[in-house]
Amino acid sequence: MNEPTKHIETKLTSETIFEGRVVRLTVDTVTLENGNTSTREIVHHGGGAAVVALNKKGEVALVRQYRYALGKELIEIPAGKIEPGEPPRETALRELEEEAACVAGTLVDFGSVIPTCGYCTEVIYLYLATGLQPSVQKLDEDEFVDFFWMPLDEAASLVLNGTITDSKTAYGLLKAKMMKDTGQI
């Protein structure tokens, strides 16, 4: 097998054109591997954490919430933005309790997802939560979500039929289903 080519672009300049609470936008000039230059618009995001929470009945915790940017409700696993200096694991535990009203007995690293690699730096860290204990939902004052349980197999089917389209949720649910089906969880 041939050794794969290592592709790279080198940043020459970077100009911040917007800085908000959640994102920063830069316009970068880069040198391409053929020596030409090009422009890249980059959305810098601090990342997030999400949780596939499975109860003893084989159900997964899901939330339904309105997403303004898309103009519609989505079904998602509990997730949220990593606060500055906060480890992703702590974000996951916080969001699980805030949105799904439960605390994890066990929380294991479940990989990560890069939702929009063409122009955004966001990485979402995923965790698998089991040994769940009930708590109290602690939503932020500007957060409105409906929390519910659904059998994992049914949730995975909703990914496959296009009802669940959120990338972190689709990845997490399908990975959990595959691992469950192969006896890994």
N, C-alpha and C. Protein backbone atom coordinates (compact mmCIF):
# COMPACT_ATOMS: atom_id res chain seq x y z
N MET A 1 0.85 -1.19 0.00
CA MET A 1 0.00 0.00 0.00
C MET A 1 0.89 1.24 0.00
N ASN A 2 0.51 2.21 -0.77
CA ASN A 2 1.28 3.45 -0.86
C ASN A 2 1.10 4.28 0.39
N GLU A 3 2.17 4.98 0.76
CA GLU A 3 2.12 5.90 1.90
C GLU A 3 1.20 7.06 1.52
N PRO A 4 0.21 7.41 2.38
CA PRO A 4 -0.69 8.51 2.05
C PRO A 4 0.04 9.85 2.04
N THR A 5 -0.41 10.74 1.18
CA THR A 5 0.13 12.09 1.13
C THR A 5 -0.35 12.85 2.36
N LYS A 6 0.54 13.63 2.93
CA LYS A 6 0.15 14.47 4.08
C LYS A 6 -0.13 15.87 3.56
N HIS A 7 -1.41 16.23 3.60
CA HIS A 7 -1.84 17.54 3.11
C HIS A 7 -1.80 18.55 4.25
N ILE A 8 -1.41 19.76 3.91
CA ILE A 8 -1.34 20.81 4.93
C ILE A 8 -1.52 22.18 4.28
N GLU A 9 -2.08 23.09 5.05
CA GLU A 9 -2.15 24.50 4.67
C GLU A 9 -1.48 25.28 5.79
N THR A 10 -0.72 26.31 5.44
CA THR A 10 0.02 27.09 6.42
C THR A 10 -0.57 28.49 6.52
N LYS A 11 -0.91 28.89 7.76
CA LYS A 11 -1.49 30.21 7.99
C LYS A 11 -0.44 31.29 7.80
N LEU A 12 -0.77 32.28 6.99
CA LEU A 12 0.09 33.45 6.78
C LEU A 12 -0.37 34.61 7.64
N THR A 13 -1.70 34.89 7.62
CA THR A 13 -2.26 35.99 8.40
C THR A 13 -3.61 35.56 8.95
N SER A 14 -4.03 36.26 10.00
CA SER A 14 -5.33 36.00 10.60
C SER A 14 -5.89 37.30 11.14
N GLU A 15 -7.14 37.60 10.78
CA GLU A 15 -7.80 38.82 11.25
C GLU A 15 -9.12 38.44 11.92
N THR A 16 -9.28 38.84 13.18
CA THR A 16 -10.54 38.61 13.89
C THR A 16 -11.53 39.67 13.42
N ILE A 17 -12.67 39.20 12.87
CA ILE A 17 -13.67 40.17 12.41
C ILE A 17 -14.92 40.19 13.28
N PHE A 18 -15.04 39.20 14.19
CA PHE A 18 -16.15 39.19 15.14
C PHE A 18 -15.74 38.39 16.36
N GLU A 19 -16.11 38.89 17.54
CA GLU A 19 -15.90 38.15 18.78
C GLU A 19 -17.16 38.27 19.61
N GLY A 20 -17.82 37.13 19.84
CA GLY A 20 -19.05 37.10 20.61
C GLY A 20 -18.89 36.28 21.88
N ARG A 21 -20.02 35.96 22.52
CA ARG A 21 -20.00 35.16 23.75
C ARG A 21 -19.67 33.71 23.47
N VAL A 22 -20.08 33.20 22.31
CA VAL A 22 -19.94 31.78 22.01
C VAL A 22 -18.88 31.51 20.94
N VAL A 23 -18.77 32.39 19.97
CA VAL A 23 -17.84 32.16 18.86
C VAL A 23 -17.01 33.39 18.55
N ARG A 24 -15.90 33.13 17.86
CA ARG A 24 -15.04 34.18 17.31
C ARG A 24 -14.84 33.83 15.85
N LEU A 25 -14.92 34.81 14.96
CA LEU A 25 -14.76 34.57 13.53
C LEU A 25 -13.49 35.25 13.04
N THR A 26 -12.65 34.46 12.37
CA THR A 26 -11.44 35.01 11.77
C THR A 26 -11.46 34.78 10.27
N VAL A 27 -10.75 35.65 9.56
CA VAL A 27 -10.49 35.46 8.14
C VAL A 27 -8.98 35.26 8.04
N ASP A 28 -8.58 34.08 7.61
CA ASP A 28 -7.17 33.72 7.53
C ASP A 28 -6.73 33.61 6.08
N THR A 29 -5.50 34.01 5.82
CA THR A 29 -4.87 33.78 4.53
C THR A 29 -3.91 32.61 4.73
N VAL A 30 -3.99 31.62 3.84
CA VAL A 30 -3.17 30.42 3.97
C VAL A 30 -2.40 30.16 2.69
N THR A 31 -1.26 29.48 2.84
CA THR A 31 -0.51 28.98 1.70
C THR A 31 -0.93 27.54 1.49
N LEU A 32 -1.30 27.21 0.25
CA LEU A 32 -1.70 25.85 -0.10
C LEU A 32 -0.46 25.03 -0.44
N GLU A 33 -0.63 23.72 -0.51
CA GLU A 33 0.53 22.86 -0.78
C GLU A 33 1.13 23.07 -2.17
N ASN A 34 0.37 23.68 -3.08
CA ASN A 34 0.92 23.97 -4.42
C ASN A 34 1.59 25.35 -4.49
N GLY A 35 1.66 26.06 -3.33
CA GLY A 35 2.30 27.37 -3.28
C GLY A 35 1.36 28.54 -3.44
N ASN A 36 0.14 28.30 -3.92
CA ASN A 36 -0.84 29.38 -4.05
C ASN A 36 -1.38 29.77 -2.68
N THR A 37 -2.05 30.91 -2.62
CA THR A 37 -2.69 31.33 -1.37
C THR A 37 -4.20 31.28 -1.54
N SER A 38 -4.88 31.18 -0.39
CA SER A 38 -6.34 31.16 -0.37
C SER A 38 -6.81 31.78 0.94
N THR A 39 -8.10 32.05 1.03
CA THR A 39 -8.70 32.63 2.22
C THR A 39 -9.58 31.59 2.91
N ARG A 40 -9.50 31.55 4.22
CA ARG A 40 -10.33 30.64 5.03
C ARG A 40 -11.07 31.47 6.08
N GLU A 41 -12.38 31.29 6.15
CA GLU A 41 -13.20 31.91 7.19
C GLU A 41 -13.41 30.85 8.26
N ILE A 42 -12.97 31.13 9.49
CA ILE A 42 -12.98 30.14 10.56
C ILE A 42 -13.83 30.62 11.73
N VAL A 43 -14.76 29.77 12.15
CA VAL A 43 -15.53 30.01 13.36
C VAL A 43 -14.82 29.26 14.48
N HIS A 44 -14.33 29.99 15.47
CA HIS A 44 -13.63 29.39 16.61
C HIS A 44 -14.65 29.19 17.72
N HIS A 45 -14.76 27.96 18.20
CA HIS A 45 -15.74 27.60 19.23
C HIS A 45 -15.03 26.78 20.29
N GLY A 46 -15.34 27.03 21.55
CA GLY A 46 -14.68 26.35 22.67
C GLY A 46 -15.03 24.89 22.86
N GLY A 47 -15.99 24.39 22.12
CA GLY A 47 -16.33 22.97 22.20
C GLY A 47 -17.49 22.68 23.13
N GLY A 48 -17.89 21.44 23.10
CA GLY A 48 -19.02 21.02 23.92
C GLY A 48 -18.84 19.59 24.39
N ALA A 49 -19.76 19.16 25.22
CA ALA A 49 -19.78 17.78 25.71
C ALA A 49 -21.21 17.29 25.65
N ALA A 50 -21.36 16.00 25.36
CA ALA A 50 -22.69 15.39 25.24
C ALA A 50 -22.67 14.02 25.89
N VAL A 51 -23.85 13.56 26.28
CA VAL A 51 -23.95 12.31 27.04
C VAL A 51 -24.99 11.37 26.45
N VAL A 52 -24.56 10.14 26.18
CA VAL A 52 -25.50 9.05 25.88
C VAL A 52 -25.76 8.40 27.23
N ALA A 53 -26.92 8.68 27.80
CA ALA A 53 -27.27 8.16 29.13
C ALA A 53 -28.24 7.00 28.98
N LEU A 54 -27.79 5.81 29.41
CA LEU A 54 -28.61 4.60 29.30
C LEU A 54 -29.07 4.15 30.69
N ASN A 55 -30.39 3.95 30.82
CA ASN A 55 -30.91 3.44 32.09
C ASN A 55 -30.95 1.91 32.07
N LYS A 56 -31.38 1.33 33.18
CA LYS A 56 -31.40 -0.14 33.33
C LYS A 56 -32.36 -0.82 32.36
N LYS A 57 -33.34 -0.08 31.84
CA LYS A 57 -34.32 -0.65 30.90
C LYS A 57 -33.83 -0.61 29.46
N GLY A 58 -32.62 -0.09 29.24
CA GLY A 58 -32.10 0.03 27.87
C GLY A 58 -32.65 1.24 27.14
N GLU A 59 -33.11 2.23 27.91
CA GLU A 59 -33.62 3.46 27.32
C GLU A 59 -32.54 4.54 27.39
N VAL A 60 -32.61 5.45 26.44
CA VAL A 60 -31.66 6.55 26.37
C VAL A 60 -32.37 7.86 26.70
N ALA A 61 -31.66 8.74 27.41
CA ALA A 61 -32.20 10.07 27.75
C ALA A 61 -32.09 10.97 26.53
N LEU A 62 -33.21 11.59 26.18
CA LEU A 62 -33.25 12.51 25.04
C LEU A 62 -33.94 13.81 25.45
N VAL A 63 -33.61 14.87 24.74
CA VAL A 63 -34.30 16.14 24.95
C VAL A 63 -34.78 16.66 23.60
N ARG A 64 -35.89 17.36 23.66
CA ARG A 64 -36.44 18.03 22.48
C ARG A 64 -36.36 19.52 22.77
N GLN A 65 -35.70 20.25 21.85
CA GLN A 65 -35.61 21.69 22.05
C GLN A 65 -35.60 22.42 20.72
N TYR A 66 -36.06 23.66 20.78
CA TYR A 66 -36.09 24.51 19.60
C TYR A 66 -34.69 25.05 19.35
N ARG A 67 -34.24 24.96 18.11
CA ARG A 67 -32.94 25.48 17.71
C ARG A 67 -33.17 26.65 16.76
N TYR A 68 -32.97 27.85 17.28
CA TYR A 68 -33.27 29.08 16.54
C TYR A 68 -32.56 29.14 15.19
N ALA A 69 -31.29 28.77 15.15
CA ALA A 69 -30.52 28.87 13.90
C ALA A 69 -31.15 28.05 12.78
N LEU A 70 -31.81 26.96 13.12
CA LEU A 70 -32.46 26.10 12.12
C LEU A 70 -33.95 26.36 12.01
N GLY A 71 -34.52 27.06 12.97
CA GLY A 71 -35.95 27.37 12.94
C GLY A 71 -36.84 26.18 13.19
N LYS A 72 -36.35 25.21 13.99
CA LYS A 72 -37.18 24.04 14.29
C LYS A 72 -36.69 23.33 15.54
N GLU A 73 -37.54 22.43 16.04
CA GLU A 73 -37.17 21.59 17.17
C GLU A 73 -36.32 20.42 16.70
N LEU A 74 -35.38 20.03 17.54
CA LEU A 74 -34.56 18.85 17.29
C LEU A 74 -34.62 17.93 18.50
N ILE A 75 -34.42 16.65 18.25
CA ILE A 75 -34.26 15.66 19.32
C ILE A 75 -32.77 15.43 19.46
N GLU A 76 -32.27 15.57 20.70
CA GLU A 76 -30.84 15.48 20.95
C GLU A 76 -30.56 14.73 22.25
N ILE A 77 -29.32 14.27 22.38
CA ILE A 77 -28.86 13.78 23.68
C ILE A 77 -28.50 15.01 24.51
N PRO A 78 -28.51 14.90 25.84
CA PRO A 78 -28.13 16.04 26.67
C PRO A 78 -26.72 16.52 26.32
N ALA A 79 -26.56 17.83 26.18
CA ALA A 79 -25.27 18.39 25.75
C ALA A 79 -25.21 19.86 26.07
N GLY A 80 -23.99 20.38 26.05
CA GLY A 80 -23.83 21.80 26.28
C GLY A 80 -22.43 22.28 26.00
N LYS A 81 -22.28 23.58 26.04
CA LYS A 81 -21.02 24.26 25.77
C LYS A 81 -20.08 24.11 26.95
N ILE A 82 -18.82 23.84 26.65
CA ILE A 82 -17.79 23.78 27.69
C ILE A 82 -17.50 25.21 28.15
N GLU A 83 -17.57 25.43 29.45
CA GLU A 83 -17.25 26.75 30.00
C GLU A 83 -15.73 26.91 30.06
N PRO A 84 -15.21 28.13 29.95
CA PRO A 84 -13.76 28.33 29.99
C PRO A 84 -13.14 27.67 31.22
N GLY A 85 -12.11 26.85 31.00
CA GLY A 85 -11.41 26.16 32.08
C GLY A 85 -12.09 24.90 32.59
N GLU A 86 -13.26 24.58 32.09
CA GLU A 86 -14.01 23.42 32.56
C GLU A 86 -13.61 22.18 31.76
N PRO A 87 -13.24 21.08 32.42
CA PRO A 87 -12.96 19.85 31.68
C PRO A 87 -14.24 19.33 31.02
N PRO A 88 -14.13 18.75 29.81
CA PRO A 88 -15.32 18.24 29.12
C PRO A 88 -16.14 17.26 29.96
N ARG A 89 -15.48 16.43 30.76
CA ARG A 89 -16.18 15.47 31.63
C ARG A 89 -17.13 16.19 32.59
N GLU A 90 -16.66 17.30 33.16
CA GLU A 90 -17.50 18.07 34.08
C GLU A 90 -18.68 18.70 33.35
N THR A 91 -18.44 19.16 32.12
CA THR A 91 -19.53 19.70 31.31
C THR A 91 -20.59 18.63 31.10
N ALA A 92 -20.15 17.42 30.76
CA ALA A 92 -21.09 16.31 30.51
C ALA A 92 -21.92 16.01 31.75
N LEU A 93 -21.28 15.92 32.89
CA LEU A 93 -22.01 15.64 34.14
C LEU A 93 -23.00 16.75 34.45
N ARG A 94 -22.57 17.99 34.27
CA ARG A 94 -23.44 19.15 34.53
C ARG A 94 -24.66 19.14 33.63
N GLU A 95 -24.42 18.93 32.33
CA GLU A 95 -25.52 18.95 31.36
C GLU A 95 -26.49 17.79 31.56
N LEU A 96 -25.96 16.63 31.93
CA LEU A 96 -26.84 15.48 32.20
C LEU A 96 -27.82 15.80 33.31
N GLU A 97 -27.32 16.39 34.38
CA GLU A 97 -28.20 16.74 35.50
C GLU A 97 -29.13 17.90 35.14
N GLU A 98 -28.58 18.93 34.49
CA GLU A 98 -29.40 20.09 34.13
C GLU A 98 -30.55 19.72 33.22
N GLU A 99 -30.26 18.95 32.16
CA GLU A 99 -31.27 18.69 31.13
C GLU A 99 -32.07 17.42 31.36
N ALA A 100 -31.44 16.37 31.89
CA ALA A 100 -32.11 15.07 31.99
C ALA A 100 -32.43 14.66 33.41
N ALA A 101 -32.17 15.51 34.37
CA ALA A 101 -32.53 15.26 35.77
C ALA A 101 -32.00 13.93 36.29
N CYS A 102 -30.75 13.62 35.95
CA CYS A 102 -30.15 12.42 36.53
C CYS A 102 -28.65 12.61 36.70
N VAL A 103 -28.10 11.79 37.59
CA VAL A 103 -26.68 11.79 37.90
C VAL A 103 -26.11 10.44 37.50
N ALA A 104 -24.94 10.45 36.88
CA ALA A 104 -24.32 9.21 36.41
C ALA A 104 -23.54 8.53 37.52
N GLY A 105 -23.74 7.21 37.68
CA GLY A 105 -22.91 6.41 38.57
C GLY A 105 -21.58 6.13 37.90
N THR A 106 -21.63 5.93 36.57
CA THR A 106 -20.43 5.67 35.77
C THR A 106 -20.48 6.55 34.53
N LEU A 107 -19.36 7.20 34.23
CA LEU A 107 -19.26 8.04 33.04
C LEU A 107 -17.95 7.68 32.35
N VAL A 108 -18.05 7.16 31.11
CA VAL A 108 -16.85 6.76 30.38
C VAL A 108 -16.75 7.55 29.08
N ASP A 109 -15.51 7.79 28.68
CA ASP A 109 -15.22 8.49 27.42
C ASP A 109 -15.82 7.69 26.27
N PHE A 110 -16.53 8.37 25.38
CA PHE A 110 -17.22 7.70 24.28
C PHE A 110 -16.78 8.27 22.93
N GLY A 111 -15.62 8.96 22.91
CA GLY A 111 -15.11 9.51 21.66
C GLY A 111 -15.48 10.98 21.51
N SER A 112 -15.33 11.46 20.29
CA SER A 112 -15.68 12.85 20.01
C SER A 112 -16.20 12.98 18.59
N VAL A 113 -16.85 14.10 18.34
CA VAL A 113 -17.45 14.38 17.03
C VAL A 113 -16.99 15.78 16.61
N ILE A 114 -16.66 15.92 15.34
CA ILE A 114 -16.35 17.23 14.77
C ILE A 114 -17.51 17.56 13.84
N PRO A 115 -18.44 18.42 14.30
CA PRO A 115 -19.68 18.63 13.54
C PRO A 115 -19.53 19.33 12.19
N THR A 116 -18.62 20.29 12.08
CA THR A 116 -18.51 21.06 10.84
C THR A 116 -17.05 21.38 10.56
N CYS A 117 -16.33 20.42 10.03
CA CYS A 117 -14.87 20.54 9.88
C CYS A 117 -14.43 21.52 8.81
N GLY A 118 -15.29 21.94 7.93
CA GLY A 118 -14.89 22.83 6.84
C GLY A 118 -14.63 24.26 7.26
N TYR A 119 -15.21 24.70 8.40
CA TYR A 119 -15.05 26.11 8.77
C TYR A 119 -15.13 26.37 10.27
N CYS A 120 -15.22 25.32 11.09
CA CYS A 120 -15.42 25.53 12.52
C CYS A 120 -14.48 24.64 13.32
N THR A 121 -13.96 25.17 14.44
CA THR A 121 -13.03 24.43 15.29
C THR A 121 -13.71 23.59 16.36
N GLU A 122 -15.04 23.62 16.43
CA GLU A 122 -15.76 22.92 17.50
C GLU A 122 -15.50 21.42 17.50
N VAL A 123 -15.23 20.90 18.71
CA VAL A 123 -15.16 19.46 18.96
C VAL A 123 -16.15 19.19 20.08
N ILE A 124 -16.98 18.15 19.90
CA ILE A 124 -17.92 17.75 20.95
C ILE A 124 -17.44 16.43 21.52
N TYR A 125 -17.16 16.43 22.82
CA TYR A 125 -16.69 15.24 23.52
C TYR A 125 -17.90 14.46 24.01
N LEU A 126 -17.92 13.17 23.72
CA LEU A 126 -19.05 12.32 24.07
C LEU A 126 -18.70 11.40 25.24
N TYR A 127 -19.71 11.12 26.05
CA TYR A 127 -19.57 10.23 27.19
C TYR A 127 -20.75 9.28 27.24
N LEU A 128 -20.52 8.10 27.77
CA LEU A 128 -21.57 7.11 28.02
C LEU A 128 -21.81 7.10 29.52
N ALA A 129 -23.05 7.35 29.92
CA ALA A 129 -23.42 7.38 31.34
C ALA A 129 -24.33 6.20 31.66
N THR A 130 -23.98 5.49 32.71
CA THR A 130 -24.81 4.39 33.21
C THR A 130 -24.89 4.51 34.74
N GLY A 131 -25.61 3.59 35.36
CA GLY A 131 -25.78 3.66 36.81
C GLY A 131 -26.46 4.95 37.22
N LEU A 132 -27.48 5.31 36.49
CA LEU A 132 -28.13 6.62 36.66
C LEU A 132 -28.99 6.67 37.92
N GLN A 133 -28.94 7.80 38.58
CA GLN A 133 -29.77 8.08 39.75
C GLN A 133 -30.58 9.34 39.46
N PRO A 134 -31.86 9.36 39.89
CA PRO A 134 -32.68 10.54 39.63
C PRO A 134 -32.18 11.77 40.38
N SER A 135 -32.37 12.92 39.76
CA SER A 135 -32.03 14.20 40.36
C SER A 135 -33.14 15.17 39.98
N VAL A 136 -32.84 16.44 39.94
CA VAL A 136 -33.80 17.47 39.59
C VAL A 136 -33.28 18.21 38.37
N GLN A 137 -34.16 18.42 37.39
CA GLN A 137 -33.79 19.17 36.20
C GLN A 137 -33.46 20.61 36.61
N LYS A 138 -32.32 21.12 36.12
CA LYS A 138 -31.84 22.44 36.52
C LYS A 138 -31.52 23.27 35.28
N LEU A 139 -32.53 23.58 34.50
CA LEU A 139 -32.33 24.31 33.25
C LEU A 139 -31.87 25.74 33.50
N ASP A 140 -31.06 26.25 32.56
CA ASP A 140 -30.69 27.66 32.59
C ASP A 140 -31.96 28.48 32.34
N GLU A 141 -31.94 29.75 32.74
CA GLU A 141 -33.15 30.57 32.62
C GLU A 141 -33.57 30.82 31.18
N ASP A 142 -32.65 30.66 30.22
CA ASP A 142 -33.00 30.85 28.81
C ASP A 142 -33.08 29.52 28.06
N GLU A 143 -33.24 28.43 28.80
CA GLU A 143 -33.25 27.08 28.21
C GLU A 143 -34.62 26.44 28.42
N PHE A 144 -35.20 25.93 27.33
CA PHE A 144 -36.51 25.30 27.39
C PHE A 144 -36.41 23.97 26.66
N VAL A 145 -36.42 22.87 27.40
CA VAL A 145 -36.31 21.56 26.79
C VAL A 145 -37.32 20.61 27.41
N ASP A 146 -37.77 19.66 26.61
CA ASP A 146 -38.58 18.56 27.11
C ASP A 146 -37.68 17.34 27.17
N PHE A 147 -37.60 16.73 28.33
CA PHE A 147 -36.78 15.55 28.56
C PHE A 147 -37.66 14.30 28.52
N PHE A 148 -37.15 13.23 27.87
CA PHE A 148 -37.90 11.98 27.84
C PHE A 148 -36.95 10.81 27.62
N TRP A 149 -37.45 9.60 27.93
CA TRP A 149 -36.70 8.37 27.72
C TRP A 149 -37.25 7.66 26.49
N MET A 150 -36.37 6.98 25.76
CA MET A 150 -36.78 6.21 24.58
C MET A 150 -35.89 4.97 24.50
N PRO A 151 -36.47 3.82 24.13
CA PRO A 151 -35.62 2.64 23.94
C PRO A 151 -34.49 2.95 22.94
N LEU A 152 -33.28 2.49 23.25
CA LEU A 152 -32.13 2.78 22.40
C LEU A 152 -32.37 2.32 20.97
N ASP A 153 -32.95 1.13 20.79
CA ASP A 153 -33.20 0.62 19.43
C ASP A 153 -34.12 1.56 18.65
N GLU A 154 -35.15 2.07 19.31
CA GLU A 154 -36.08 3.00 18.66
C GLU A 154 -35.39 4.32 18.31
N ALA A 155 -34.56 4.81 19.22
CA ALA A 155 -33.83 6.06 18.96
C ALA A 155 -32.88 5.90 17.77
N ALA A 156 -32.20 4.75 17.70
CA ALA A 156 -31.31 4.49 16.56
C ALA A 156 -32.10 4.43 15.26
N SER A 157 -33.30 3.87 15.31
CA SER A 157 -34.16 3.82 14.12
C SER A 157 -34.54 5.23 13.65
N LEU A 158 -34.73 6.14 14.62
CA LEU A 158 -35.06 7.53 14.26
C LEU A 158 -33.88 8.23 13.58
N VAL A 159 -32.66 7.80 13.89
CA VAL A 159 -31.50 8.32 13.17
C VAL A 159 -31.54 7.82 11.73
N LEU A 160 -31.78 6.52 11.58
CA LEU A 160 -31.76 5.91 10.25
C LEU A 160 -32.88 6.40 9.34
N ASN A 161 -34.03 6.77 9.93
CA ASN A 161 -35.13 7.24 9.07
C ASN A 161 -35.12 8.76 8.88
N GLY A 162 -34.12 9.45 9.45
CA GLY A 162 -33.99 10.88 9.24
C GLY A 162 -34.74 11.77 10.20
N THR A 163 -35.36 11.19 11.22
CA THR A 163 -36.06 12.01 12.21
C THR A 163 -35.05 12.71 13.13
N ILE A 164 -34.03 11.98 13.58
CA ILE A 164 -32.95 12.56 14.38
C ILE A 164 -31.80 12.87 13.43
N THR A 165 -31.49 14.17 13.29
CA THR A 165 -30.46 14.59 12.33
C THR A 165 -29.27 15.29 12.98
N ASP A 166 -29.33 15.59 14.25
CA ASP A 166 -28.23 16.24 14.95
C ASP A 166 -27.03 15.30 14.96
N SER A 167 -25.85 15.79 14.56
CA SER A 167 -24.68 14.92 14.36
C SER A 167 -24.19 14.26 15.63
N LYS A 168 -24.09 15.00 16.73
CA LYS A 168 -23.59 14.38 17.97
C LYS A 168 -24.55 13.30 18.46
N THR A 169 -25.83 13.56 18.31
CA THR A 169 -26.85 12.62 18.75
C THR A 169 -26.83 11.37 17.87
N ALA A 170 -26.79 11.57 16.56
CA ALA A 170 -26.75 10.43 15.64
C ALA A 170 -25.53 9.56 15.90
N TYR A 171 -24.37 10.18 16.01
CA TYR A 171 -23.14 9.43 16.27
C TYR A 171 -23.23 8.66 17.59
N GLY A 172 -23.62 9.36 18.64
CA GLY A 172 -23.69 8.73 19.96
C GLY A 172 -24.68 7.58 20.01
N LEU A 173 -25.87 7.77 19.44
CA LEU A 173 -26.90 6.72 19.47
C LEU A 173 -26.48 5.50 18.64
N LEU A 174 -25.94 5.74 17.44
CA LEU A 174 -25.55 4.60 16.60
C LEU A 174 -24.36 3.85 17.19
N LYS A 175 -23.43 4.58 17.79
CA LYS A 175 -22.30 3.92 18.44
C LYS A 175 -22.78 3.08 19.63
N ALA A 176 -23.68 3.64 20.44
CA ALA A 176 -24.21 2.90 21.58
C ALA A 176 -24.97 1.65 21.13
N LYS A 177 -25.78 1.79 20.09
CA LYS A 177 -26.54 0.64 19.58
C LYS A 177 -25.59 -0.45 19.07
N MET A 178 -24.57 -0.06 18.31
CA MET A 178 -23.62 -1.04 17.81
C MET A 178 -22.90 -1.75 18.96
N MET A 179 -22.48 -0.99 19.95
CA MET A 179 -21.77 -1.57 21.09
C MET A 179 -22.70 -2.47 21.91
N LYS A 180 -23.96 -2.06 22.06
CA LYS A 180 -24.93 -2.90 22.76
C LYS A 180 -25.16 -4.20 22.00
N ASP A 181 -25.34 -4.10 20.70
CA ASP A 181 -25.60 -5.28 19.87
C ASP A 181 -24.42 -6.25 19.83
N THR A 182 -23.21 -5.74 20.06
CA THR A 182 -22.02 -6.62 20.05
C THR A 182 -21.57 -6.98 21.47
N GLY A 183 -22.39 -6.64 22.46
CA GLY A 183 -22.11 -7.02 23.85
C GLY A 183 -21.02 -6.22 24.53
N GLN A 184 -20.67 -5.07 23.97
CA GLN A 184 -19.62 -4.24 24.58
C GLN A 184 -20.14 -3.35 25.69
N ILE A 185 -21.45 -3.14 25.72
CA ILE A 185 -22.08 -2.39 26.82
C ILE A 185 -23.37 -3.08 27.20
